[in-house]
Amino acid sequence: MRHLTSLSACPALWRSLPCPSSELRLDFVLPGGQSFRWRESSPGFWTGVVHERVWTLTQKDDHLWYAVYPNTEEEEGKSNKETQKKATKRKLKKTTSEAINTEDLKQEKEDDWTNVPIHIDSKDCKKDGETLEDYFQLHLRLQDLYKQWGESDSNFQKVAREFSADDTETKLRNLGFGYRAKFVSQSARTILHEHGLDWLGSLRHVPYEEAKKALCDLPGVGAKIADCVCLMALDKPEAVPVDTHVWQIAKRDYLPQLGQGNKSITERVYREIGDYFRNLWGPYAGWAQGVLFCSDLKKFQSPDKPPKAKTKNKLKEENSMA
């Protein structure tokens, strides 16, 4: 039996049910080892048997799309014969030395479904939809169950964050978020389910340290990200985000002894840099740090600006390499 491999193939066979991926993920459910009558016939398209009928399922735009194949051998045989006749006629037009070009192959593939007898009845449509809803138990809301299980079981709550029916992480990765996609998705769910939509805005009205600590409790959020959010979005101008670039500026121009021997920014060094600049610049230290950061970037420097003076350690390194 030929299987549908796209929504554009024989559109008359496809129907859909509203079903967000947060409620059902075919790629999680069907190959999970509990159902053995499904296989991924092409990427994202699953073909299997439900109630003695062959179906192909796929998901797109928060809908579950499905096609139920004609189930009589007679109709299938007629379709195959018509397809073979068309293919034979095209091949006969070629000389024996000519090869079938890609357009011919494409046309043959498209013709596969041209003569499939399709008899769709409104009652059948409703029945098929009900069959699928019953098969996947779509009348139950998975998000409500996740919330209930998470409230009674802290371990499940942890597992649910790692293994959700939501494909937001995949979409974020496709948009270029890389490894951060996982944390962005998890943090968004944590905020929504544990704190509420107004939680982030409420952090504007609490002290800086309290807001920073709350942010650091979110999945994947460390001191630097928390300080960036505090400074840029939560009215905390004393927040000083410290990345490796700011660390180098601090060592070069302010604290040459800072973090000697360290290859990365430790928690102690991070705190020391932030406190130093807050004591030096006052309650708007984060703004001052932004100016300092930009002034050190090459793209913001004027052509006639003299280069930064090299530190003693840097000179020693260069001399030792000479």
C-alpha atoms as a PDB file:
ATOM      1  CA  MET A   1       0.000   0.000   0.000  1.00  0.00           C
ATOM      2  CA  ARG A   2       1.251   3.464  -0.891  1.00  0.00           C
ATOM      3  CA  HIS A   3       1.431   5.874   2.026  1.00  0.00           C
ATOM      4  CA  LEU A   4       0.879   9.610   2.079  1.00  0.00           C
ATOM      5  CA  THR A   5       4.067  11.538   2.813  1.00  0.00           C
ATOM      6  CA  SER A   6       2.872  15.161   2.701  1.00  0.00           C
ATOM      7  CA  LEU A   7      -0.266  17.192   3.322  1.00  0.00           C
ATOM      8  CA  SER A   8      -0.245  18.268  -0.317  1.00  0.00           C
ATOM      9  CA  ALA A   9      -0.546  14.682  -1.539  1.00  0.00           C
ATOM     10  CA  CYS A  10      -4.218  13.955  -2.181  1.00  0.00           C
ATOM     11  CA  PRO A  11      -5.608  16.840  -0.039  1.00  0.00           C
ATOM     12  CA  ALA A  12      -9.098  15.347  -0.156  1.00  0.00           C
ATOM     13  CA  LEU A  13      -7.975  12.511   2.120  1.00  0.00           C
ATOM     14  CA  TRP A  14      -6.670  14.787   4.874  1.00  0.00           C
ATOM     15  CA  ARG A  15      -8.746  16.027   7.790  1.00  0.00           C
ATOM     16  CA  SER A  16      -7.687  17.550  11.102  1.00  0.00           C
ATOM     17  CA  LEU A  17      -8.528  17.988  14.779  1.00  0.00           C
ATOM     18  CA  PRO A  18      -7.436  20.924  16.963  1.00  0.00           C
ATOM     19  CA  CYS A  19      -4.628  19.489  19.088  1.00  0.00           C
ATOM     20  CA  PRO A  20      -1.676  21.562  20.370  1.00  0.00           C
ATOM     21  CA  SER A  21       1.626  19.744  20.701  1.00  0.00           C
ATOM     22  CA  SER A  22       1.525  20.421  24.451  1.00  0.00           C
ATOM     23  CA  GLU A  23      -1.340  17.912  24.606  1.00  0.00           C
ATOM     24  CA  LEU A  24       0.022  15.281  22.207  1.00  0.00           C
ATOM     25  CA  ARG A  25       3.411  14.579  20.646  1.00  0.00           C
ATOM     26  CA  LEU A  26       3.274  11.784  18.090  1.00  0.00           C
ATOM     27  CA  ASP A  27       7.059  11.440  18.179  1.00  0.00           C
ATOM     28  CA  PHE A  28       6.850  10.721  21.923  1.00  0.00           C
ATOM     29  CA  VAL A  29       3.709   8.608  22.061  1.00  0.00           C
ATOM     30  CA  LEU A  30       3.858   6.317  19.024  1.00  0.00           C
ATOM     31  CA  PRO A  31       7.461   5.003  19.289  1.00  0.00           C
ATOM     32  CA  GLY A  32       7.338   4.787  23.093  1.00  0.00           C
ATOM     33  CA  GLY A  33       7.145   0.993  23.217  1.00  0.00           C
ATOM     34  CA  GLN A  34       3.462   0.747  24.157  1.00  0.00           C
ATOM     35  CA  SER A  35       2.054   0.537  20.647  1.00  0.00           C
ATOM     36  CA  PHE A  36       3.560  -1.710  17.990  1.00  0.00           C
ATOM     37  CA  ARG A  37       1.382  -0.969  14.975  1.00  0.00           C
ATOM     38  CA  TRP A  38       2.911   2.367  13.982  1.00  0.00           C
ATOM     39  CA  ARG A  39       5.965   3.285  11.977  1.00  0.00           C
ATOM     40  CA  GLU A  40       7.334   6.600  10.778  1.00  0.00           C
ATOM     41  CA  SER A  41       6.703   6.217   7.054  1.00  0.00           C
ATOM     42  CA  SER A  42       8.469   9.537   6.370  1.00  0.00           C
ATOM     43  CA  PRO A  43       9.808  12.264   8.702  1.00  0.00           C
ATOM     44  CA  GLY A  44       6.908  13.454  10.856  1.00  0.00           C
ATOM     45  CA  PHE A  45       4.354  11.142   9.207  1.00  0.00           C
ATOM     46  CA  TRP A  46       3.220   8.037  11.092  1.00  0.00           C
ATOM     47  CA  THR A  47       1.305   5.173   9.505  1.00  0.00           C
ATOM     48  CA  GLY A  48      -0.479   2.505  11.529  1.00  0.00           C
ATOM     49  CA  VAL A  49      -3.696   0.631  12.211  1.00  0.00           C
ATOM     50  CA  VAL A  50      -6.627   1.739  14.362  1.00  0.00           C
ATOM     51  CA  HIS A  51      -9.882  -0.233  14.397  1.00  0.00           C
ATOM     52  CA  GLU A  52      -8.795  -2.410  11.478  1.00  0.00           C
ATOM     53  CA  ARG A  53      -8.163   0.588   9.231  1.00  0.00           C
ATOM     54  CA  VAL A  54      -4.885   2.108   8.036  1.00  0.00           C
ATOM     55  CA  TRP A  55      -4.201   5.706   9.019  1.00  0.00           C
ATOM     56  CA  THR A  56      -1.444   8.242   8.453  1.00  0.00           C
ATOM     57  CA  LEU A  57      -1.017  10.958  11.084  1.00  0.00           C
ATOM     58  CA  THR A  58       1.065  14.120  11.296  1.00  0.00           C
ATOM     59  CA  GLN A  59       1.048  17.360  13.296  1.00  0.00           C
ATOM     60  CA  LYS A  60       1.169  20.925  12.048  1.00  0.00           C
ATOM     61  CA  ASP A  61       0.023  24.337  13.324  1.00  0.00           C
ATOM     62  CA  ASP A  62      -1.548  22.978  16.523  1.00  0.00           C
ATOM     63  CA  HIS A  63      -3.628  20.466  14.584  1.00  0.00           C
ATOM     64  CA  LEU A  64      -3.527  16.692  14.358  1.00  0.00           C
ATOM     65  CA  TRP A  65      -3.885  15.817  10.680  1.00  0.00           C
ATOM     66  CA  TYR A  66      -5.059  12.363   9.673  1.00  0.00           C
ATOM     67  CA  ALA A  67      -5.910  10.376   6.574  1.00  0.00           C
ATOM     68  CA  VAL A  68      -7.815   7.097   6.506  1.00  0.00           C
ATOM     69  CA  TYR A  69      -7.022   4.942   3.501  1.00  0.00           C
ATOM     70  CA  PRO A  70      -9.596   3.274   1.244  1.00  0.00           C
ATOM     71  CA  ASN A  71      -9.964  -0.203   2.656  1.00  0.00           C
ATOM     72  CA  THR A  72     -11.034  -2.452  -0.239  1.00  0.00           C
ATOM     73  CA  GLU A  73      -8.531  -4.447  -2.281  1.00  0.00           C
ATOM     74  CA  GLU A  74     -10.673  -3.935  -5.342  1.00  0.00           C
ATOM     75  CA  GLU A  75     -10.351  -0.148  -5.207  1.00  0.00           C
ATOM     76  CA  GLU A  76      -6.631  -0.430  -4.479  1.00  0.00           C
ATOM     77  CA  GLY A  77      -6.165  -2.813  -7.421  1.00  0.00           C
ATOM     78  CA  LYS A  78      -7.965  -0.494  -9.821  1.00  0.00           C
ATOM     79  CA  SER A  79      -5.835   2.414  -8.710  1.00  0.00           C
ATOM     80  CA  ASN A  80      -2.634   0.432  -9.218  1.00  0.00           C
ATOM     81  CA  LYS A  81      -3.665  -0.616 -12.704  1.00  0.00           C
ATOM     82  CA  GLU A  82      -4.473   2.943 -13.764  1.00  0.00           C
ATOM     83  CA  THR A  83      -1.157   4.171 -12.398  1.00  0.00           C
ATOM     84  CA  GLN A  84       0.759   1.435 -14.219  1.00  0.00           C
ATOM     85  CA  LYS A  85      -0.994   2.244 -17.500  1.00  0.00           C
ATOM     86  CA  LYS A  86      -0.003   5.910 -17.285  1.00  0.00           C
ATOM     87  CA  ALA A  87       3.589   5.061 -16.430  1.00  0.00           C
ATOM     88  CA  THR A  88       3.779   2.592 -19.347  1.00  0.00           C
ATOM     89  CA  LYS A  89       2.441   5.156 -21.819  1.00  0.00           C
ATOM     90  CA  ARG A  90       5.079   7.697 -20.779  1.00  0.00           C
ATOM     91  CA  LYS A  91       7.889   5.169 -21.026  1.00  0.00           C
ATOM     92  CA  LEU A  92       6.793   4.061 -24.516  1.00  0.00           C
ATOM     93  CA  LYS A  93       7.300   7.629 -25.725  1.00  0.00           C
ATOM     94  CA  LYS A  94      10.999   7.310 -24.955  1.00  0.00           C
ATOM     95  CA  THR A  95      13.493   5.675 -27.288  1.00  0.00           C
ATOM     96  CA  THR A  96      15.332   2.672 -25.943  1.00  0.00           C
ATOM     97  CA  SER A  97      18.467   4.767 -25.390  1.00  0.00           C
ATOM     98  CA  GLU A  98      16.762   7.535 -23.420  1.00  0.00           C
ATOM     99  CA  ALA A  99      16.569   7.584 -19.618  1.00  0.00           C
ATOM    100  CA  ILE A 100      13.514   8.670 -17.709  1.00  0.00           C
ATOM    101  CA  ASN A 101      14.204  12.201 -16.470  1.00  0.00           C
ATOM    102  CA  THR A 102      13.367  13.586 -13.060  1.00  0.00           C
ATOM    103  CA  GLU A 103      10.200  15.290 -14.274  1.00  0.00           C
ATOM    104  CA  ASP A 104       8.841  11.915 -15.356  1.00  0.00           C
ATOM    105  CA  LEU A 105       9.641  10.413 -11.990  1.00  0.00           C
ATOM    106  CA  LYS A 106       8.016  13.342 -10.245  1.00  0.00           C
ATOM    107  CA  GLN A 107       4.906  12.977 -12.384  1.00  0.00           C
ATOM    108  CA  GLU A 108       4.718   9.249 -11.632  1.00  0.00           C
ATOM    109  CA  LYS A 109       4.872   9.985  -7.917  1.00  0.00           C
ATOM    110  CA  GLU A 110       2.125  12.565  -8.176  1.00  0.00           C
ATOM    111  CA  ASP A 111      -0.008  10.210 -10.259  1.00  0.00           C
ATOM    112  CA  ASP A 112       0.128   7.608  -7.501  1.00  0.00           C
ATOM    113  CA  TRP A 113      -2.917   9.234  -5.883  1.00  0.00           C
ATOM    114  CA  THR A 114      -4.651  10.624  -8.957  1.00  0.00           C
ATOM    115  CA  ASN A 115      -7.104   7.778  -9.388  1.00  0.00           C
ATOM    116  CA  VAL A 116      -7.605   6.658  -5.811  1.00  0.00           C
ATOM    117  CA  PRO A 117     -11.377   6.336  -5.317  1.00  0.00           C
ATOM    118  CA  ILE A 118     -12.393   8.716  -2.524  1.00  0.00           C
ATOM    119  CA  HIS A 119     -15.819   8.494  -0.943  1.00  0.00           C
ATOM    120  CA  ILE A 120     -16.097  10.824   2.035  1.00  0.00           C
ATOM    121  CA  ASP A 121     -19.308  10.941   3.979  1.00  0.00           C
ATOM    122  CA  SER A 122     -19.981  13.535   6.665  1.00  0.00           C
ATOM    123  CA  LYS A 123     -20.950  10.756   9.073  1.00  0.00           C
ATOM    124  CA  ASP A 124     -17.677   8.977   8.364  1.00  0.00           C
ATOM    125  CA  CYS A 125     -15.742  12.207   9.008  1.00  0.00           C
ATOM    126  CA  LYS A 126     -17.369  12.631  12.388  1.00  0.00           C
ATOM    127  CA  LYS A 127     -16.854   8.979  13.271  1.00  0.00           C
ATOM    128  CA  ASP A 128     -13.181   9.067  12.273  1.00  0.00           C
ATOM    129  CA  GLY A 129     -12.609  12.152  14.375  1.00  0.00           C
ATOM    130  CA  GLU A 130     -14.289  10.538  17.373  1.00  0.00           C
ATOM    131  CA  THR A 131     -12.222   7.386  16.857  1.00  0.00           C
ATOM    132  CA  LEU A 132      -8.991   9.353  16.952  1.00  0.00           C
ATOM    133  CA  GLU A 133     -10.076  11.412  19.969  1.00  0.00           C
ATOM    134  CA  ASP A 134     -10.880   8.201  21.806  1.00  0.00           C
ATOM    135  CA  TYR A 135      -7.645   6.488  20.740  1.00  0.00           C
ATOM    136  CA  PHE A 136      -5.463   9.303  22.106  1.00  0.00           C
ATOM    137  CA  GLN A 137      -7.886  10.244  24.914  1.00  0.00           C
ATOM    138  CA  LEU A 138      -7.903  13.844  23.706  1.00  0.00           C
ATOM    139  CA  HIS A 139     -10.844  14.724  25.948  1.00  0.00           C
ATOM    140  CA  LEU A 140      -8.381  14.779  28.858  1.00  0.00           C
ATOM    141  CA  ARG A 141      -6.255  17.907  29.222  1.00  0.00           C
ATOM    142  CA  LEU A 142      -2.657  16.871  29.742  1.00  0.00           C
ATOM    143  CA  GLN A 143      -1.572  20.237  31.165  1.00  0.00           C
ATOM    144  CA  ASP A 144      -4.108  19.891  34.000  1.00  0.00           C
ATOM    145  CA  LEU A 145      -2.811  16.417  34.801  1.00  0.00           C
ATOM    146  CA  TYR A 146       0.811  17.595  34.762  1.00  0.00           C
ATOM    147  CA  LYS A 147      -0.073  20.350  37.203  1.00  0.00           C
ATOM    148  CA  GLN A 148      -1.885  17.927  39.522  1.00  0.00           C
ATOM    149  CA  TRP A 149       0.947  15.378  39.454  1.00  0.00           C
ATOM    150  CA  GLY A 150       3.570  18.059  39.970  1.00  0.00           C
ATOM    151  CA  GLU A 151       1.808  19.492  43.005  1.00  0.00           C
ATOM    152  CA  SER A 152       1.700  16.105  44.723  1.00  0.00           C
ATOM    153  CA  ASP A 153       5.111  14.845  43.587  1.00  0.00           C
ATOM    154  CA  SER A 154       8.223  17.042  43.479  1.00  0.00           C
ATOM    155  CA  ASN A 155      10.140  14.369  41.586  1.00  0.00           C
ATOM    156  CA  PHE A 156       7.516  14.277  38.833  1.00  0.00           C
ATOM    157  CA  GLN A 157       7.675  18.056  38.634  1.00  0.00           C
ATOM    158  CA  LYS A 158      11.400  17.803  37.932  1.00  0.00           C
ATOM    159  CA  VAL A 159      10.922  15.073  35.333  1.00  0.00           C
ATOM    160  CA  ALA A 160       8.102  16.981  33.646  1.00  0.00           C
ATOM    161  CA  ARG A 161      10.436  19.925  33.014  1.00  0.00           C
ATOM    162  CA  GLU A 162      12.883  17.643  31.238  1.00  0.00           C
ATOM    163  CA  PHE A 163      10.254  15.647  29.347  1.00  0.00           C
ATOM    164  CA  SER A 164       7.349  17.848  28.266  1.00  0.00           C
ATOM    165  CA  ALA A 165       4.778  17.339  25.406  1.00  0.00           C
ATOM    166  CA  ASP A 166       5.711  20.892  24.303  1.00  0.00           C
ATOM    167  CA  ASP A 167       8.014  21.428  21.235  1.00  0.00           C
ATOM    168  CA  THR A 168       8.980  24.996  22.121  1.00  0.00           C
ATOM    169  CA  GLU A 169      12.583  23.933  22.697  1.00  0.00           C
ATOM    170  CA  THR A 170      12.840  22.527  19.179  1.00  0.00           C
ATOM    171  CA  LYS A 171      11.443  25.714  17.683  1.00  0.00           C
ATOM    172  CA  LEU A 172      13.883  27.836  19.691  1.00  0.00           C
ATOM    173  CA  ARG A 173      16.812  25.690  18.567  1.00  0.00           C
ATOM    174  CA  ASN A 174      15.731  26.135  14.959  1.00  0.00           C
ATOM    175  CA  LEU A 175      15.735  29.895  15.571  1.00  0.00           C
ATOM    176  CA  GLY A 176      19.368  29.766  16.683  1.00  0.00           C
ATOM    177  CA  PHE A 177      19.077  29.716  20.479  1.00  0.00           C
ATOM    178  CA  GLY A 178      21.373  26.695  20.698  1.00  0.00           C
ATOM    179  CA  TYR A 179      21.831  25.176  24.166  1.00  0.00           C
ATOM    180  CA  ARG A 180      19.888  28.113  25.667  1.00  0.00           C
ATOM    181  CA  ALA A 181      16.661  26.864  24.050  1.00  0.00           C
ATOM    182  CA  LYS A 182      16.183  24.271  26.783  1.00  0.00           C
ATOM    183  CA  PHE A 183      16.549  26.807  29.580  1.00  0.00           C
ATOM    184  CA  VAL A 184      14.374  29.446  27.934  1.00  0.00           C
ATOM    185  CA  SER A 185      11.592  26.903  27.490  1.00  0.00           C
ATOM    186  CA  GLN A 186      11.909  25.523  31.024  1.00  0.00           C
ATOM    187  CA  SER A 187      12.086  28.977  32.616  1.00  0.00           C
ATOM    188  CA  ALA A 188       8.988  30.107  30.730  1.00  0.00           C
ATOM    189  CA  ARG A 189       7.035  27.068  31.958  1.00  0.00           C
ATOM    190  CA  THR A 190       8.270  27.583  35.524  1.00  0.00           C
ATOM    191  CA  ILE A 191       7.175  31.227  35.495  1.00  0.00           C
ATOM    192  CA  LEU A 192       3.789  30.363  34.008  1.00  0.00           C
ATOM    193  CA  HIS A 193       2.929  27.399  36.227  1.00  0.00           C
ATOM    194  CA  GLU A 194       4.612  28.301  39.518  1.00  0.00           C
ATOM    195  CA  HIS A 195       4.540  32.097  39.624  1.00  0.00           C
ATOM    196  CA  GLY A 196       1.994  33.474  37.173  1.00  0.00           C
ATOM    197  CA  LEU A 197       2.042  36.010  34.369  1.00  0.00           C
ATOM    198  CA  ASP A 198       2.534  39.030  36.635  1.00  0.00           C
ATOM    199  CA  TRP A 199       5.495  37.599  38.548  1.00  0.00           C
ATOM    200  CA  LEU A 200       8.304  39.071  36.462  1.00  0.00           C
ATOM    201  CA  GLY A 201       6.752  42.533  36.560  1.00  0.00           C
ATOM    202  CA  SER A 202       6.374  42.310  40.323  1.00  0.00           C
ATOM    203  CA  LEU A 203      10.157  41.955  40.689  1.00  0.00           C
ATOM    204  CA  ARG A 204      10.490  45.613  39.673  1.00  0.00           C
ATOM    205  CA  HIS A 205       9.178  46.550  43.098  1.00  0.00           C
ATOM    206  CA  VAL A 206      11.486  44.430  45.295  1.00  0.00           C
ATOM    207  CA  PRO A 207      15.131  45.114  46.291  1.00  0.00           C
ATOM    208  CA  TYR A 208      17.872  44.233  43.816  1.00  0.00           C
ATOM    209  CA  GLU A 209      19.309  41.280  45.743  1.00  0.00           C
ATOM    210  CA  GLU A 210      15.848  39.763  46.219  1.00  0.00           C
ATOM    211  CA  ALA A 211      15.017  40.063  42.534  1.00  0.00           C
ATOM    212  CA  LYS A 212      18.380  38.602  41.516  1.00  0.00           C
ATOM    213  CA  LYS A 213      17.973  35.610  43.821  1.00  0.00           C
ATOM    214  CA  ALA A 214      14.476  34.926  42.489  1.00  0.00           C
ATOM    215  CA  LEU A 215      15.751  34.963  38.916  1.00  0.00           C
ATOM    216  CA  CYS A 216      18.674  32.671  39.755  1.00  0.00           C
ATOM    217  CA  ASP A 217      16.152  30.046  40.922  1.00  0.00           C
ATOM    218  CA  LEU A 218      14.927  29.660  37.335  1.00  0.00           C
ATOM    219  CA  PRO A 219      16.386  26.803  35.216  1.00  0.00           C
ATOM    220  CA  GLY A 220      19.690  27.788  33.613  1.00  0.00           C
ATOM    221  CA  VAL A 221      19.749  31.342  34.984  1.00  0.00           C
ATOM    222  CA  GLY A 222      23.039  32.361  36.577  1.00  0.00           C
ATOM    223  CA  ALA A 223      24.339  35.580  38.101  1.00  0.00           C
ATOM    224  CA  LYS A 224      25.166  37.291  34.802  1.00  0.00           C
ATOM    225  CA  ILE A 225      21.809  36.591  33.135  1.00  0.00           C
ATOM    226  CA  ALA A 226      19.993  37.604  36.317  1.00  0.00           C
ATOM    227  CA  ASP A 227      21.950  40.870  36.462  1.00  0.00           C
ATOM    228  CA  CYS A 228      21.198  41.556  32.777  1.00  0.00           C
ATOM    229  CA  VAL A 229      17.466  41.138  33.420  1.00  0.00           C
ATOM    230  CA  CYS A 230      17.649  43.233  36.602  1.00  0.00           C
ATOM    231  CA  LEU A 231      19.480  46.038  34.806  1.00  0.00           C
ATOM    232  CA  MET A 232      17.613  46.047  31.492  1.00  0.00           C
ATOM    233  CA  ALA A 233      14.081  45.130  32.548  1.00  0.00           C
ATOM    234  CA  LEU A 234      13.510  45.389  36.292  1.00  0.00           C
ATOM    235  CA  ASP A 235      14.646  48.935  37.172  1.00  0.00           C
ATOM    236  CA  LYS A 236      17.745  47.779  39.053  1.00  0.00           C
ATOM    237  CA  PRO A 237      20.454  50.221  37.801  1.00  0.00           C
ATOM    238  CA  GLU A 238      22.921  48.989  40.433  1.00  0.00           C
ATOM    239  CA  ALA A 239      23.103  45.562  38.768  1.00  0.00           C
ATOM    240  CA  VAL A 240      26.482  45.037  37.077  1.00  0.00           C
ATOM    241  CA  PRO A 241      26.548  42.106  34.626  1.00  0.00           C
ATOM    242  CA  VAL A 242      30.055  40.650  34.531  1.00  0.00           C
ATOM    243  CA  ASP A 243      31.146  38.615  31.533  1.00  0.00           C
ATOM    244  CA  THR A 244      34.689  37.746  30.451  1.00  0.00           C
ATOM    245  CA  HIS A 245      34.988  41.093  28.643  1.00  0.00           C
ATOM    246  CA  VAL A 246      34.110  43.095  31.764  1.00  0.00           C
ATOM    247  CA  TRP A 247      36.415  40.854  33.770  1.00  0.00           C
ATOM    248  CA  GLN A 248      39.307  41.751  31.462  1.00  0.00           C
ATOM    249  CA  ILE A 249      38.484  45.459  31.762  1.00  0.00           C
ATOM    250  CA  ALA A 250      38.401  45.198  35.550  1.00  0.00           C
ATOM    251  CA  LYS A 251      41.772  43.416  35.692  1.00  0.00           C
ATOM    252  CA  ARG A 252      43.388  45.765  33.196  1.00  0.00           C
ATOM    253  CA  ASP A 253      42.183  49.143  34.475  1.00  0.00           C
ATOM    254  CA  TYR A 254      40.988  48.695  38.063  1.00  0.00           C
ATOM    255  CA  LEU A 255      41.917  45.502  39.874  1.00  0.00           C
ATOM    256  CA  PRO A 256      45.104  44.013  38.370  1.00  0.00           C
ATOM    257  CA  GLN A 257      45.388  41.497  41.202  1.00  0.00           C
ATOM    258  CA  LEU A 258      41.841  40.214  40.679  1.00  0.00           C
ATOM    259  CA  GLY A 259      41.418  36.539  39.931  1.00  0.00           C
ATOM    260  CA  GLN A 260      45.068  35.833  39.177  1.00  0.00           C
ATOM    261  CA  GLY A 261      45.493  32.235  38.109  1.00  0.00           C
ATOM    262  CA  ASN A 262      41.775  31.790  37.395  1.00  0.00           C
ATOM    263  CA  LYS A 263      40.771  30.789  33.871  1.00  0.00           C
ATOM    264  CA  SER A 264      37.113  31.594  34.457  1.00  0.00           C
ATOM    265  CA  ILE A 265      35.036  33.913  36.608  1.00  0.00           C
ATOM    266  CA  THR A 266      34.401  32.371  40.004  1.00  0.00           C
ATOM    267  CA  GLU A 267      31.448  33.318  42.169  1.00  0.00           C
ATOM    268  CA  ARG A 268      33.792  35.245  44.488  1.00  0.00           C
ATOM    269  CA  VAL A 269      35.407  37.170  41.630  1.00  0.00           C
ATOM    270  CA  TYR A 270      32.016  37.993  40.126  1.00  0.00           C
ATOM    271  CA  ARG A 271      30.776  39.405  43.415  1.00  0.00           C
ATOM    272  CA  GLU A 272      34.003  41.352  44.001  1.00  0.00           C
ATOM    273  CA  ILE A 273      33.858  43.069  40.611  1.00  0.00           C
ATOM    274  CA  GLY A 274      30.202  44.018  41.040  1.00  0.00           C
ATOM    275  CA  ASP A 275      30.727  45.363  44.555  1.00  0.00           C
ATOM    276  CA  TYR A 276      33.806  47.318  43.479  1.00  0.00           C
ATOM    277  CA  PHE A 277      31.960  49.101  40.703  1.00  0.00           C
ATOM    278  CA  ARG A 278      28.905  49.733  42.881  1.00  0.00           C
ATOM    279  CA  ASN A 279      31.131  51.366  45.514  1.00  0.00           C
ATOM    280  CA  LEU A 280      32.979  53.338  42.835  1.00  0.00           C
ATOM    281  CA  TRP A 281      30.080  54.536  40.694  1.00  0.00           C
ATOM    282  CA  GLY A 282      27.125  54.503  43.062  1.00  0.00           C
ATOM    283  CA  PRO A 283      23.485  53.442  42.593  1.00  0.00           C
ATOM    284  CA  TYR A 284      23.644  53.662  38.778  1.00  0.00           C
ATOM    285  CA  ALA A 285      26.756  51.508  38.475  1.00  0.00           C
ATOM    286  CA  GLY A 286      25.118  49.302  35.853  1.00  0.00           C
ATOM    287  CA  TRP A 287      24.697  52.277  33.523  1.00  0.00           C
ATOM    288  CA  ALA A 288      28.316  53.287  33.967  1.00  0.00           C
ATOM    289  CA  GLN A 289      29.433  49.745  33.259  1.00  0.00           C
ATOM    290  CA  GLY A 290      27.469  49.841  30.005  1.00  0.00           C
ATOM    291  CA  VAL A 291      29.325  52.949  28.875  1.00  0.00           C
ATOM    292  CA  LEU A 292      32.668  51.409  29.821  1.00  0.00           C
ATOM    293  CA  PHE A 293      31.803  48.192  28.020  1.00  0.00           C
ATOM    294  CA  CYS A 294      30.830  49.946  24.782  1.00  0.00           C
ATOM    295  CA  SER A 295      33.861  52.251  24.841  1.00  0.00           C
ATOM    296  CA  ASP A 296      36.125  49.211  24.866  1.00  0.00           C
ATOM    297  CA  LEU A 297      34.533  47.588  21.823  1.00  0.00           C
ATOM    298  CA  LYS A 298      36.433  48.135  18.597  1.00  0.00           C
ATOM    299  CA  LYS A 299      33.332  49.005  16.598  1.00  0.00           C
ATOM    300  CA  PHE A 300      32.657  51.982  18.869  1.00  0.00           C
ATOM    301  CA  GLN A 301      36.224  53.283  18.863  1.00  0.00           C
ATOM    302  CA  SER A 302      37.293  56.164  16.621  1.00  0.00           C
ATOM    303  CA  PRO A 303      40.170  55.426  14.206  1.00  0.00           C
ATOM    304  CA  ASP A 304      42.473  57.953  15.907  1.00  0.00           C
ATOM    305  CA  LYS A 305      41.853  56.576  19.420  1.00  0.00           C
ATOM    306  CA  PRO A 306      45.108  55.290  20.943  1.00  0.00           C
ATOM    307  CA  PRO A 307      45.151  51.597  21.828  1.00  0.00           C
ATOM    308  CA  LYS A 308      44.666  50.527  25.408  1.00  0.00           C
ATOM    309  CA  ALA A 309      47.839  50.289  27.465  1.00  0.00           C
ATOM    310  CA  LYS A 310      49.018  46.750  27.954  1.00  0.00           C
ATOM    311  CA  THR A 311      49.239  45.348  31.445  1.00  0.00           C
ATOM    312  CA  LYS A 312      52.520  44.223  32.951  1.00  0.00           C
ATOM    313  CA  ASN A 313      51.416  40.613  32.772  1.00  0.00           C
ATOM    314  CA  LYS A 314      50.566  40.972  29.091  1.00  0.00           C
ATOM    315  CA  LEU A 315      53.965  42.508  28.368  1.00  0.00           C
ATOM    316  CA  LYS A 316      55.675  39.672  30.233  1.00  0.00           C
ATOM    317  CA  GLU A 317      53.763  37.108  28.175  1.00  0.00           C
ATOM    318  CA  GLU A 318      54.769  38.770  24.903  1.00  0.00           C
ATOM    319  CA  ASN A 319      58.428  39.082  25.985  1.00  0.00           C
ATOM    320  CA  SER A 320      58.558  35.429  26.976  1.00  0.00           C
ATOM    321  CA  MET A 321      57.218  34.425  23.568  1.00  0.00           C
ATOM    322  CA  ALA A 322      59.744  36.596  21.696  1.00  0.00           C
END
